[in-house]
């Protein structure tokens, strides 16, 4: 017998002895209990601040701060709304001065620097076609008659 044959036989005997002595044993298990993380779904209330901070940091709006109605600044909201109303009023006045009373029930064409707007009333409503002079593209909007 060579050295390798004896080594292989010894190894085989060791494995066989280990299997016999260890033998099959009773399986051990424990009950699996699911515990949610989010407190809204029954998780620990201690997770609230962590989850809120994580969500706010992932929010792409307002630099990660997100919308928080409790931190909303009423004075900033008032200023924003006032600015929008002033700009809307100015745009109405510019259109009124440029075109006067626009009657969309009459056919007409308005020429701007880069656009031409054609208004065509029809039986189902008013068709407004906006033509881009530079690119040659046009868009048609149909305003239905009620």
Protein backbone atom coordinates (compact mmCIF):
# COMPACT_ATOMS: atom_id res chain seq x y z
CA UNK A 1 0.00 0.00 0.00
CA UNK A 2 1.22 3.37 -0.87
CA UNK A 3 1.18 6.39 1.31
CA UNK A 4 -1.71 8.00 -0.62
CA UNK A 5 -3.85 4.91 -0.38
CA UNK A 6 -3.41 4.75 3.39
CA UNK A 7 -4.13 8.48 3.68
CA UNK A 8 -7.30 8.14 1.61
CA UNK A 9 -8.42 5.14 3.69
CA UNK A 10 -7.79 7.01 6.95
CA UNK A 11 -9.67 10.04 5.68
CA UNK A 12 -12.62 7.91 4.58
CA UNK A 13 -12.72 6.16 7.94
CA UNK A 14 -12.64 9.48 9.79
CA UNK A 15 -15.53 10.87 7.78
CA UNK A 16 -17.54 7.66 8.23
CA UNK A 17 -16.91 7.67 12.00
CA UNK A 18 -17.92 11.35 12.22
CA UNK A 19 -21.16 10.64 10.41
CA UNK A 20 -21.98 7.69 12.61
CA UNK A 21 -21.23 9.44 15.89
CA UNK A 22 -22.86 12.75 14.89
CA UNK A 23 -25.77 11.00 13.27
CA UNK A 24 -29.02 12.64 12.53
CA UNK A 25 -30.18 14.97 15.24
CA UNK A 26 -33.51 16.63 15.88
CA UNK A 27 -33.97 19.82 13.93
CA UNK A 28 -34.01 22.99 15.98
CA UNK A 29 -36.23 25.88 14.94
CA UNK A 30 -37.86 28.92 16.39
CA UNK A 31 -41.01 30.81 15.49
CA UNK A 32 -40.51 33.63 12.99
CA UNK A 33 -42.11 36.87 14.14
CA UNK A 34 -42.39 39.81 11.76
CA UNK A 35 -42.00 43.23 13.32
CA UNK A 36 -42.69 46.19 10.98
CA UNK A 37 -40.32 49.14 11.03
CA UNK A 38 -42.77 51.93 10.18
CA UNK A 39 -44.81 53.05 13.22
CA UNK A 40 -47.84 53.63 11.00
CA UNK A 41 -47.98 49.88 10.40
CA UNK A 42 -47.31 48.83 13.99
CA UNK A 43 -43.58 49.42 14.26
CA UNK A 44 -41.76 51.07 17.11
CA UNK A 45 -42.63 54.76 17.64
CA UNK A 46 -38.92 55.36 18.19
CA UNK A 47 -38.39 54.89 14.44
CA UNK A 48 -40.52 57.92 13.52
CA UNK A 49 -37.83 60.60 13.53
CA UNK A 50 -35.30 58.38 11.75
CA UNK A 51 -37.75 57.50 8.97
CA UNK A 52 -38.88 61.12 8.57
CA UNK A 53 -35.29 62.39 8.33
CA UNK A 54 -34.40 59.68 5.82
CA UNK A 55 -37.42 60.55 3.65
CA UNK A 56 -36.71 64.29 3.80
CA UNK A 57 -33.08 63.76 2.82
CA UNK A 58 -34.17 61.77 -0.24
CA UNK A 59 -36.75 64.36 -1.28
CA UNK A 60 -35.52 66.17 -4.43
CA UNK A 61 -37.73 69.23 -3.82
CA UNK A 62 -36.56 72.31 -1.91
CA UNK A 63 -33.04 71.03 -1.30
CA UNK A 64 -34.09 67.88 0.51
CA UNK A 65 -36.34 69.72 2.96
CA UNK A 66 -39.52 68.63 1.30
CA UNK A 67 -42.94 70.11 1.94
CA UNK A 68 -43.75 70.53 5.57
CA UNK A 69 -47.02 72.26 6.28
CA UNK A 70 -45.91 73.05 9.81
CA UNK A 71 -42.81 74.91 8.62
CA UNK A 72 -44.62 76.70 5.77
CA UNK A 73 -44.03 80.46 6.05
CA UNK A 74 -47.34 82.37 5.70
CA UNK A 75 -45.57 85.64 4.85
CA UNK A 76 -43.61 83.97 2.05
CA UNK A 77 -46.83 82.43 0.70
CA UNK A 78 -48.52 85.83 0.77
CA UNK A 79 -45.61 87.43 -1.07
CA UNK A 80 -45.59 84.68 -3.71
CA UNK A 81 -49.34 84.94 -4.29
CA UNK A 82 -49.22 88.73 -4.47
CA UNK A 83 -46.38 88.58 -6.99
CA UNK A 84 -48.32 86.08 -9.16
CA UNK A 85 -51.44 88.26 -9.08
CA UNK A 86 -49.49 91.38 -10.06
CA UNK A 87 -47.79 89.53 -12.95
CA UNK A 88 -51.15 88.11 -14.12
CA UNK A 89 -52.72 91.58 -14.04
CA UNK A 90 -49.78 93.05 -15.98
CA UNK A 91 -49.99 90.31 -18.63
CA UNK A 92 -53.76 90.93 -19.00
CA UNK A 93 -53.13 94.66 -19.46
CA UNK A 94 -50.38 94.04 -22.05
CA UNK A 95 -52.68 91.75 -24.03
CA UNK A 96 -55.55 94.23 -23.72
CA UNK A 97 -53.35 97.10 -24.96
CA UNK A 98 -51.90 95.05 -27.83
CA UNK A 99 -55.06 93.36 -29.09
CA UNK A 100 -57.98 95.21 -27.51
CA UNK A 101 -61.03 93.07 -27.01
CA UNK A 102 -60.25 89.78 -28.69
CA UNK A 103 -63.37 88.17 -30.11
CA UNK A 104 -62.63 84.48 -30.51
CA UNK A 105 -65.91 83.91 -32.31
CA UNK A 106 -64.49 85.77 -35.35
CA UNK A 107 -61.79 84.35 -37.58
CA UNK A 108 -58.46 86.11 -37.27
CA UNK A 109 -54.70 85.88 -37.35
CA UNK A 110 -52.20 87.38 -34.94
CA UNK A 111 -48.57 87.81 -35.91
CA UNK A 112 -45.78 87.80 -33.33
CA UNK A 113 -42.03 87.86 -33.90
CA UNK A 114 -41.57 84.09 -33.81
CA UNK A 115 -45.17 82.84 -33.89
CA UNK A 116 -48.35 83.21 -35.84
CA UNK A 117 -51.64 82.45 -34.09
CA UNK A 118 -54.64 81.61 -36.28
CA UNK A 119 -58.12 81.54 -34.72
CA UNK A 120 -60.78 79.66 -36.63
CA UNK A 121 -64.28 79.23 -35.17
CA UNK A 122 -66.12 76.08 -36.20
CA UNK A 123 -69.37 74.26 -35.44
CA UNK A 124 -67.79 72.12 -32.67
CA UNK A 125 -65.69 74.91 -31.13
CA UNK A 126 -62.78 77.20 -31.76
CA UNK A 127 -59.53 75.97 -33.33
CA UNK A 128 -56.40 77.85 -32.32
CA UNK A 129 -53.32 77.07 -34.40
CA UNK A 130 -49.93 78.28 -33.18
CA UNK A 131 -47.24 78.22 -35.89
CA UNK A 132 -43.54 78.56 -35.01
CA UNK A 133 -41.93 80.53 -37.85
CA UNK A 134 -38.38 79.46 -36.98
CA UNK A 135 -38.85 75.70 -36.73
CA UNK A 136 -41.90 75.28 -38.96
CA UNK A 137 -43.75 73.34 -36.25
CA UNK A 138 -47.37 73.98 -35.46
CA UNK A 139 -49.73 73.07 -32.66
CA UNK A 140 -53.51 73.11 -32.82
CA UNK A 141 -55.71 73.51 -29.78
CA UNK A 142 -59.44 72.91 -30.03
CA UNK A 143 -61.63 74.69 -27.50
CA UNK A 144 -65.00 72.90 -27.48
CA UNK A 145 -68.25 74.85 -27.50
CA UNK A 146 -70.49 74.25 -24.49
